[in-house]
């Protein structure tokens, strides 16, 4: 059963603040008020049964994730980074293996590749979508294949800001060169492509339950969703130090990749209101898109995709000046990200000689507006009013 066929969420009412209430970039307090009593009851249940790690809440969340996304199996883990490292370990990638990642994303994507012992190869992004450019991907794969020190192994697209990457085009490239796809869906839970929800689009998808994600806990956590149940069982072994079913004998190299019972319980409760929250995110995005079209450069959809709206990000000329003026008007904004990975000191050895112009362009102009289910329509219009005013004054 996938997300759009679930029942029981249609009666969830997402409270909206007054039109003149201060605008929050994220609003976890409003969400907490909606779920707090159930979360507190979950605390009591876990204290009573005492299985703080590996409790029944873990199995419950994994089952719910499958029901929501249509994935064959899901494995709850301790963080979004672990959700990317563990599949690479399970696939046996390490020294001398190249994993292709976009150069414009959070540093956890690159760290995951390096922690697995593999080598990140940066790929440029399409500034229109902020996501991995399939044309440059093939270029980088060919360059690696011409080398003797690296083997092209996998592609790790990132669904930046909630927009699924172009998995059709990337999949064609992957098939041409015999590469696996491990998707970084840390920001895109609730997104969809070609009728499939994030978690069931790629063969392997990692996501994050960091508190500010569209689906987040009250601490670190994450999950790996896969189309292969046997692969999920390998991940469960790796999650528990690579042990066998009895958790006594190591049968492979593993890590402590567990997600605590309480975090799984919290995310389960949030899943119960997720569909209603997603509806609000889509409504807020529709206001932004209608009001701001032609005034800023909106993130373009990849083919056949529906945005998850983990963030709402646009290109703005003179971004830093615009942000400062918006702040004076009481409108919070954020930058994700102002330095592409290939410009960071830690990844200097992997900086492509020819550069990544799309990544550099995005880093200079990307600006995120408030996006969460607890914005009212009136507040969304206030954001647009303020941005129009600022843009008019900076011309």
Protein backbone atom coordinates (compact mmCIF):
# COMPACT_ATOMS: atom_id res chain seq x y z
CA UNK A 1 0.00 0.00 0.00
CA UNK A 2 1.56 3.33 -1.03
CA UNK A 3 1.08 6.81 0.42
CA UNK A 4 -1.72 7.93 -1.87
CA UNK A 5 -3.84 4.89 -0.98
CA UNK A 6 -3.50 5.17 2.79
CA UNK A 7 -6.54 6.04 4.85
CA UNK A 8 -6.90 7.47 8.33
CA UNK A 9 -5.17 10.80 7.63
CA UNK A 10 -8.03 12.60 5.99
CA UNK A 11 -9.33 13.92 9.34
CA UNK A 12 -6.02 15.46 10.42
CA UNK A 13 -6.36 19.23 10.72
CA UNK A 14 -3.14 21.23 10.45
CA UNK A 15 -3.55 24.38 12.59
CA UNK A 16 -2.70 27.69 10.94
CA UNK A 17 -1.37 30.78 12.76
CA UNK A 18 -2.96 34.24 12.51
CA UNK A 19 -2.03 36.25 9.44
CA UNK A 20 0.04 38.69 11.50
CA UNK A 21 1.93 36.06 13.53
CA UNK A 22 5.75 36.08 13.26
CA UNK A 23 6.93 33.94 10.36
CA UNK A 24 9.17 31.01 11.29
CA UNK A 25 11.56 29.41 8.80
CA UNK A 26 10.73 26.06 10.43
CA UNK A 27 8.06 25.57 13.08
CA UNK A 28 8.61 22.40 15.07
CA UNK A 29 6.72 23.73 18.07
CA UNK A 30 3.43 23.92 16.19
CA UNK A 31 3.90 20.38 14.96
CA UNK A 32 4.86 19.19 18.42
CA UNK A 33 1.59 20.52 19.83
CA UNK A 34 -0.24 18.29 17.37
CA UNK A 35 1.60 15.08 18.28
CA UNK A 36 2.85 15.68 21.82
CA UNK A 37 0.28 13.67 23.74
CA UNK A 38 0.85 10.62 21.54
CA UNK A 39 4.62 11.00 21.75
CA UNK A 40 4.45 11.23 25.54
CA UNK A 41 2.37 8.05 25.61
CA UNK A 42 5.04 6.40 23.46
CA UNK A 43 7.68 7.40 26.01
CA UNK A 44 5.70 5.66 28.71
CA UNK A 45 5.29 2.52 26.63
CA UNK A 46 9.02 2.32 25.91
CA UNK A 47 9.92 2.94 29.55
CA UNK A 48 7.56 0.13 30.49
CA UNK A 49 8.89 -2.48 28.04
CA UNK A 50 12.50 -1.32 28.43
CA UNK A 51 13.68 -2.16 24.90
CA UNK A 52 15.26 1.22 24.21
CA UNK A 53 17.22 -0.23 21.27
CA UNK A 54 15.68 -2.75 18.89
CA UNK A 55 12.20 -2.43 20.34
CA UNK A 56 8.95 -3.15 18.51
CA UNK A 57 8.81 0.50 17.46
CA UNK A 58 11.63 -0.17 14.99
CA UNK A 59 9.68 -2.88 13.18
CA UNK A 60 6.57 -0.69 13.25
CA UNK A 61 8.33 2.24 11.60
CA UNK A 62 9.93 0.06 8.95
CA UNK A 63 6.55 -1.39 8.04
CA UNK A 64 4.96 2.06 7.91
CA UNK A 65 7.70 3.36 5.63
CA UNK A 66 7.03 0.52 3.22
CA UNK A 67 3.31 1.22 3.29
CA UNK A 68 3.86 4.91 2.62
CA UNK A 69 6.39 4.61 -0.16
CA UNK A 70 5.74 1.26 -1.79
CA UNK A 71 9.31 0.11 -1.06
CA UNK A 72 9.78 -3.64 -0.67
CA UNK A 73 11.61 -3.16 2.64
CA UNK A 74 12.95 -0.43 4.90
CA UNK A 75 15.72 -0.43 7.49
CA UNK A 76 15.74 2.23 10.21
CA UNK A 77 19.24 3.52 11.00
CA UNK A 78 20.92 6.05 13.26
CA UNK A 79 21.30 8.96 10.83
CA UNK A 80 20.94 10.07 7.25
CA UNK A 81 24.68 9.68 6.80
CA UNK A 82 24.51 6.05 7.94
CA UNK A 83 21.69 5.57 5.44
CA UNK A 84 24.23 6.35 2.69
CA UNK A 85 27.33 4.68 4.14
CA UNK A 86 25.69 1.33 4.87
CA UNK A 87 24.48 0.55 1.32
CA UNK A 88 27.98 1.23 0.00
CA UNK A 89 29.40 -1.18 2.58
CA UNK A 90 26.75 -3.75 1.68
CA UNK A 91 27.65 -3.44 -2.00
CA UNK A 92 31.29 -4.06 -1.15
CA UNK A 93 32.62 -0.72 -2.39
CA UNK A 94 35.85 0.64 -1.00
CA UNK A 95 39.39 1.53 -2.03
CA UNK A 96 39.68 2.30 -5.73
CA UNK A 97 35.92 2.43 -6.29
CA UNK A 98 34.44 5.64 -7.68
CA UNK A 99 31.02 6.90 -6.59
CA UNK A 100 29.62 9.81 -8.60
CA UNK A 101 27.91 12.53 -6.55
CA UNK A 102 26.72 16.07 -7.30
CA UNK A 103 29.11 18.82 -6.26
CA UNK A 104 26.27 20.95 -4.95
CA UNK A 105 24.79 19.30 -1.87
CA UNK A 106 25.40 18.90 1.85
CA UNK A 107 28.82 17.53 2.80
CA UNK A 108 27.28 14.35 4.29
CA UNK A 109 26.99 12.94 0.77
CA UNK A 110 30.73 13.17 0.16
CA UNK A 111 31.54 12.05 3.70
CA UNK A 112 29.44 8.90 3.26
CA UNK A 113 31.47 7.86 0.21
CA UNK A 114 34.78 8.51 1.97
CA UNK A 115 33.70 6.76 5.17
CA UNK A 116 32.92 3.66 3.11
CA UNK A 117 36.48 3.82 1.78
CA UNK A 118 35.46 4.77 -1.77
CA UNK A 119 36.34 7.87 -3.81
CA UNK A 120 33.82 10.65 -4.54
CA UNK A 121 33.79 11.97 -8.08
CA UNK A 122 32.02 15.30 -8.32
CA UNK A 123 29.44 15.87 -11.05
CA UNK A 124 28.08 19.24 -12.07
CA UNK A 125 24.43 20.15 -11.53
CA UNK A 126 21.82 21.68 -13.77
CA UNK A 127 21.13 25.10 -12.18
CA UNK A 128 17.52 24.94 -13.37
CA UNK A 129 16.80 21.89 -11.19
CA UNK A 130 19.71 22.15 -8.70
CA UNK A 131 20.19 18.41 -9.31
CA UNK A 132 22.83 16.20 -10.93
CA UNK A 133 23.31 16.85 -14.63
CA UNK A 134 23.05 13.55 -16.56
CA UNK A 135 25.20 14.93 -19.39
CA UNK A 136 28.08 15.84 -17.08
CA UNK A 137 27.58 12.53 -15.25
CA UNK A 138 28.39 10.58 -18.39
CA UNK A 139 31.36 12.86 -19.04
CA UNK A 140 32.76 12.15 -15.56
CA UNK A 141 32.18 8.40 -15.92
CA UNK A 142 34.12 8.35 -19.19
CA UNK A 143 36.95 10.26 -17.53
CA UNK A 144 37.14 7.73 -14.70
CA UNK A 145 37.09 4.81 -17.11
CA UNK A 146 40.10 6.33 -18.86
CA UNK A 147 42.07 6.16 -15.58
CA UNK A 148 43.81 3.13 -14.09
CA UNK A 149 43.49 4.02 -10.42
CA UNK A 150 39.68 4.06 -10.16
CA UNK A 151 36.79 1.75 -11.02
CA UNK A 152 33.41 3.35 -11.80
CA UNK A 153 30.96 1.64 -9.43
CA UNK A 154 27.94 3.67 -8.37
CA UNK A 155 25.98 6.89 -8.77
CA UNK A 156 24.59 8.74 -5.75
CA UNK A 157 22.10 11.35 -7.00
CA UNK A 158 20.73 13.84 -4.47
CA UNK A 159 17.10 14.99 -4.48
CA UNK A 160 18.01 18.54 -3.56
CA UNK A 161 15.45 20.57 -1.63
CA UNK A 162 12.89 17.80 -2.16
CA UNK A 163 12.93 17.55 -5.95
CA UNK A 164 13.71 14.00 -7.13
CA UNK A 165 16.74 13.82 -9.41
CA UNK A 166 16.23 12.82 -13.03
CA UNK A 167 16.28 9.07 -12.35
CA UNK A 168 15.13 8.20 -15.85
CA UNK A 169 18.13 9.83 -17.51
CA UNK A 170 20.52 8.88 -14.71
CA UNK A 171 19.23 5.31 -14.84
CA UNK A 172 19.93 5.11 -18.56
CA UNK A 173 23.51 6.25 -17.93
CA UNK A 174 23.87 3.78 -15.05
CA UNK A 175 22.63 0.91 -17.22
CA UNK A 176 25.00 1.85 -20.04
CA UNK A 177 28.02 1.58 -17.78
CA UNK A 178 26.87 -1.13 -15.39
CA UNK A 179 26.66 1.14 -12.35
CA UNK A 180 24.41 0.88 -9.27
CA UNK A 181 22.29 3.77 -7.97
CA UNK A 182 22.17 4.67 -4.29
CA UNK A 183 19.85 7.66 -3.99
CA UNK A 184 20.31 10.40 -1.40
CA UNK A 185 16.71 11.23 -0.51
CA UNK A 186 17.53 13.04 2.74
CA UNK A 187 15.44 16.06 1.70
CA UNK A 188 12.81 14.49 -0.51
CA UNK A 189 10.53 12.22 1.51
CA UNK A 190 7.09 12.88 0.06
CA UNK A 191 8.39 13.56 -3.45
CA UNK A 192 7.32 11.46 -6.40
CA UNK A 193 8.46 10.58 -9.91
CA UNK A 194 6.64 8.65 -12.63
CA UNK A 195 3.98 7.61 -10.13
CA UNK A 196 6.47 6.28 -7.57
CA UNK A 197 7.21 7.85 -4.20
CA UNK A 198 10.74 8.59 -3.05
CA UNK A 199 11.87 5.35 -1.46
CA UNK A 200 10.59 3.25 -4.35
CA UNK A 201 12.02 5.17 -7.34
CA UNK A 202 15.61 3.95 -7.05
CA UNK A 203 16.71 0.46 -6.03
CA UNK A 204 18.27 1.90 -2.86
CA UNK A 205 17.32 5.18 -1.18
CA UNK A 206 18.67 6.69 2.01
CA UNK A 207 16.72 9.32 3.91
CA UNK A 208 17.20 11.40 7.04
CA UNK A 209 15.01 11.98 10.08
CA UNK A 210 16.90 15.09 11.21
CA UNK A 211 14.33 17.21 13.07
CA UNK A 212 13.86 19.84 10.34
CA UNK A 213 13.27 17.35 7.54
CA UNK A 214 9.76 16.98 6.14
CA UNK A 215 9.63 13.74 8.12
CA UNK A 216 11.86 14.18 11.14
CA UNK A 217 12.39 12.89 14.66
CA UNK A 218 13.55 14.62 17.81
CA UNK A 219 17.18 13.72 17.24
CA UNK A 220 19.26 11.95 14.63
CA UNK A 221 17.85 9.07 12.63
CA UNK A 222 17.29 7.83 9.12
CA UNK A 223 16.21 4.91 6.99
CA UNK A 224 17.23 2.94 3.93
CA UNK A 225 14.44 1.89 1.60
CA UNK A 226 15.03 -0.73 -1.04
CA UNK A 227 13.35 -2.77 -3.74
CA UNK A 228 15.29 -5.89 -2.62
CA UNK A 229 14.33 -7.68 0.61
CA UNK A 230 17.50 -9.77 0.62
CA UNK A 231 19.58 -6.61 0.44
CA UNK A 232 17.62 -5.22 3.39
CA UNK A 233 18.60 -8.23 5.49
CA UNK A 234 22.27 -7.56 4.75
CA UNK A 235 21.72 -3.98 5.88
CA UNK A 236 20.14 -5.19 9.12
CA UNK A 237 23.24 -7.26 9.79
CA UNK A 238 25.53 -4.30 9.06
CA UNK A 239 23.37 -2.13 11.31
CA UNK A 240 24.16 -4.39 14.25
CA UNK A 241 27.97 -4.61 13.83
CA UNK A 242 27.70 -7.16 11.00
CA UNK A 243 26.35 -9.91 13.25
CA UNK A 244 24.20 -12.92 12.44
CA UNK A 245 20.52 -13.24 13.31
CA UNK A 246 21.39 -14.05 16.92
CA UNK A 247 23.57 -10.91 17.11
CA UNK A 248 26.49 -12.94 18.47
CA UNK A 249 28.79 -13.82 15.59
CA UNK A 250 30.16 -11.29 13.08
CA UNK A 251 29.53 -12.56 9.57
CA UNK A 252 30.61 -9.33 7.83
CA UNK A 253 32.07 -5.94 8.71
CA UNK A 254 29.41 -3.71 10.23
CA UNK A 255 28.84 -0.63 12.33
CA UNK A 256 26.55 0.60 15.06
CA UNK A 257 23.85 1.85 12.70
CA UNK A 258 20.83 1.43 14.94
CA UNK A 259 17.93 3.85 15.27
CA UNK A 260 16.66 4.05 18.87
CA UNK A 261 13.17 2.86 19.72
CA UNK A 262 12.05 6.32 20.82
CA UNK A 263 13.10 7.98 17.55
CA UNK A 264 11.27 5.30 15.59
CA UNK A 265 8.16 5.88 17.71
CA UNK A 266 8.31 9.64 17.15
CA UNK A 267 8.70 9.28 13.39
CA UNK A 268 5.82 6.78 13.34
CA UNK A 269 3.57 9.36 14.99
CA UNK A 270 4.65 12.00 12.50
CA UNK A 271 3.96 9.62 9.64
CA UNK A 272 0.36 9.54 10.81
CA UNK A 273 0.00 13.26 10.00
CA UNK A 274 2.43 13.36 7.09
CA UNK A 275 -0.11 13.30 4.29
CA UNK A 276 -1.97 16.28 5.74
CA UNK A 277 1.31 18.13 6.23
CA UNK A 278 2.35 17.41 2.67
CA UNK A 279 -0.93 18.85 1.40
CA UNK A 280 -0.14 22.09 3.24
CA UNK A 281 3.40 22.18 1.82
CA UNK A 282 2.01 21.84 -1.69
CA UNK A 283 -0.48 24.66 -1.02
CA UNK A 284 2.22 26.99 0.26
CA UNK A 285 4.43 26.17 -2.73
CA UNK A 286 1.57 26.93 -5.11
CA UNK A 287 1.26 30.42 -3.63
CA UNK A 288 4.99 31.03 -3.95
CA UNK A 289 5.11 29.74 -7.51
CA UNK A 290 2.15 31.82 -8.66
CA UNK A 291 3.31 35.01 -6.97
CA UNK A 292 7.02 34.76 -7.75
CA UNK A 293 7.03 33.38 -11.31
CA UNK A 294 9.01 35.75 -13.50
CA UNK A 295 10.37 37.66 -10.49
CA UNK A 296 12.89 35.07 -9.32
CA UNK A 297 14.12 31.89 -10.97
CA UNK A 298 12.13 28.99 -9.53
CA UNK A 299 13.48 25.47 -9.17
CA UNK A 300 12.38 23.56 -12.25
CA UNK A 301 10.90 20.08 -12.00
CA UNK A 302 12.79 17.10 -13.31
CA UNK A 303 10.76 15.07 -15.86
CA UNK A 304 7.68 13.41 -14.35
CA UNK A 305 8.47 14.65 -10.83
CA UNK A 306 6.45 16.06 -7.96
CA UNK A 307 8.37 18.08 -5.40
CA UNK A 308 8.48 16.95 -1.77
CA UNK A 309 9.06 20.60 -0.66
CA UNK A 310 11.46 19.81 2.11
CA UNK A 311 12.69 23.28 1.25
CA UNK A 312 11.55 25.96 -1.20
CA UNK A 313 14.58 27.37 -2.96
CA UNK A 314 14.96 29.95 -5.71
CA UNK A 315 17.76 31.73 -7.56
CA UNK A 316 18.05 35.41 -6.60
CA UNK A 317 20.48 37.97 -7.99
CA UNK A 318 22.20 39.93 -5.25
CA UNK A 319 21.10 37.26 -2.80
CA UNK A 320 22.97 38.49 0.27
CA UNK A 321 21.55 42.00 -0.05
CA UNK A 322 18.07 40.61 -0.62
CA UNK A 323 18.35 38.37 2.45
CA UNK A 324 19.44 41.26 4.66
CA UNK A 325 16.51 43.42 3.56
CA UNK A 326 14.04 40.56 4.00
CA UNK A 327 15.34 40.04 7.54
CA UNK A 328 14.63 43.68 8.32
CA UNK A 329 11.05 43.03 7.20
CA UNK A 330 10.73 40.01 9.50
CA UNK A 331 11.10 37.37 6.78
CA UNK A 332 13.60 34.60 7.62
CA UNK A 333 15.56 32.93 4.82
CA UNK A 334 18.42 30.44 4.62
CA UNK A 335 21.19 29.40 2.26
CA UNK A 336 21.64 25.75 1.30
CA UNK A 337 24.54 25.91 0.27
CA UNK A 338 26.98 28.78 -0.18
CA UNK A 339 30.06 26.63 -0.83
CA UNK A 340 29.95 23.70 -3.26
CA UNK A 341 31.77 20.56 -2.20
CA UNK A 342 34.62 20.87 -4.67
CA UNK A 343 35.50 24.23 -3.09
CA UNK A 344 35.82 22.79 0.43
CA UNK A 345 39.26 22.10 1.92
CA UNK A 346 38.41 18.56 2.99
CA UNK A 347 37.63 17.53 -0.59
CA UNK A 348 40.42 19.40 -2.37
CA UNK A 349 42.00 16.15 -3.64
CA UNK A 350 38.80 15.44 -5.59
CA UNK A 351 38.36 18.90 -7.14
CA UNK A 352 37.93 18.41 -10.91
CA UNK A 353 40.46 20.39 -12.94
CA UNK A 354 37.80 21.73 -15.29
CA UNK A 355 35.63 23.00 -12.43
CA UNK A 356 31.88 22.73 -11.90
CA UNK A 357 30.29 25.96 -13.17
CA UNK A 358 26.72 24.91 -12.43
CA UNK A 359 27.58 24.21 -8.80
CA UNK A 360 29.38 27.55 -8.48
CA UNK A 361 26.40 29.41 -9.95
CA UNK A 362 23.94 27.74 -7.56
CA UNK A 363 26.12 28.49 -4.55
CA UNK A 364 26.06 32.20 -5.37
CA UNK A 365 22.32 32.61 -5.94
CA UNK A 366 20.36 29.89 -4.08
CA UNK A 367 18.06 31.19 -1.34
CA UNK A 368 15.44 29.23 0.60
CA UNK A 369 12.15 30.75 1.75
CA UNK A 370 10.09 29.61 4.74
CA UNK A 371 8.51 26.24 3.98
CA UNK A 372 6.59 24.17 6.51
CA UNK A 373 3.00 23.00 6.97
CA UNK A 374 2.27 25.50 9.75
CA UNK A 375 2.51 28.60 7.59
CA UNK A 376 -0.85 30.13 6.80
CA UNK A 377 -1.74 31.21 3.28
CA UNK A 378 -1.71 34.81 4.52
CA UNK A 379 1.83 34.39 5.84
CA UNK A 380 2.96 32.93 2.51
CA UNK A 381 1.55 36.00 0.78
CA UNK A 382 3.43 38.20 3.29
CA UNK A 383 6.66 36.47 2.26
CA UNK A 384 5.89 37.20 -1.39
CA UNK A 385 4.89 40.80 -0.66
CA UNK A 386 8.18 41.39 1.13
CA UNK A 387 10.27 39.72 -1.58
CA UNK A 388 8.53 41.74 -4.30
CA UNK A 389 9.20 44.92 -2.34
CA UNK A 390 12.87 44.09 -1.85
CA UNK A 391 13.38 43.04 -5.47
CA UNK A 392 11.79 46.30 -6.59
CA UNK A 393 14.12 48.34 -4.39
CA UNK A 394 17.27 46.55 -5.56
CA UNK A 395 16.71 47.09 -9.28
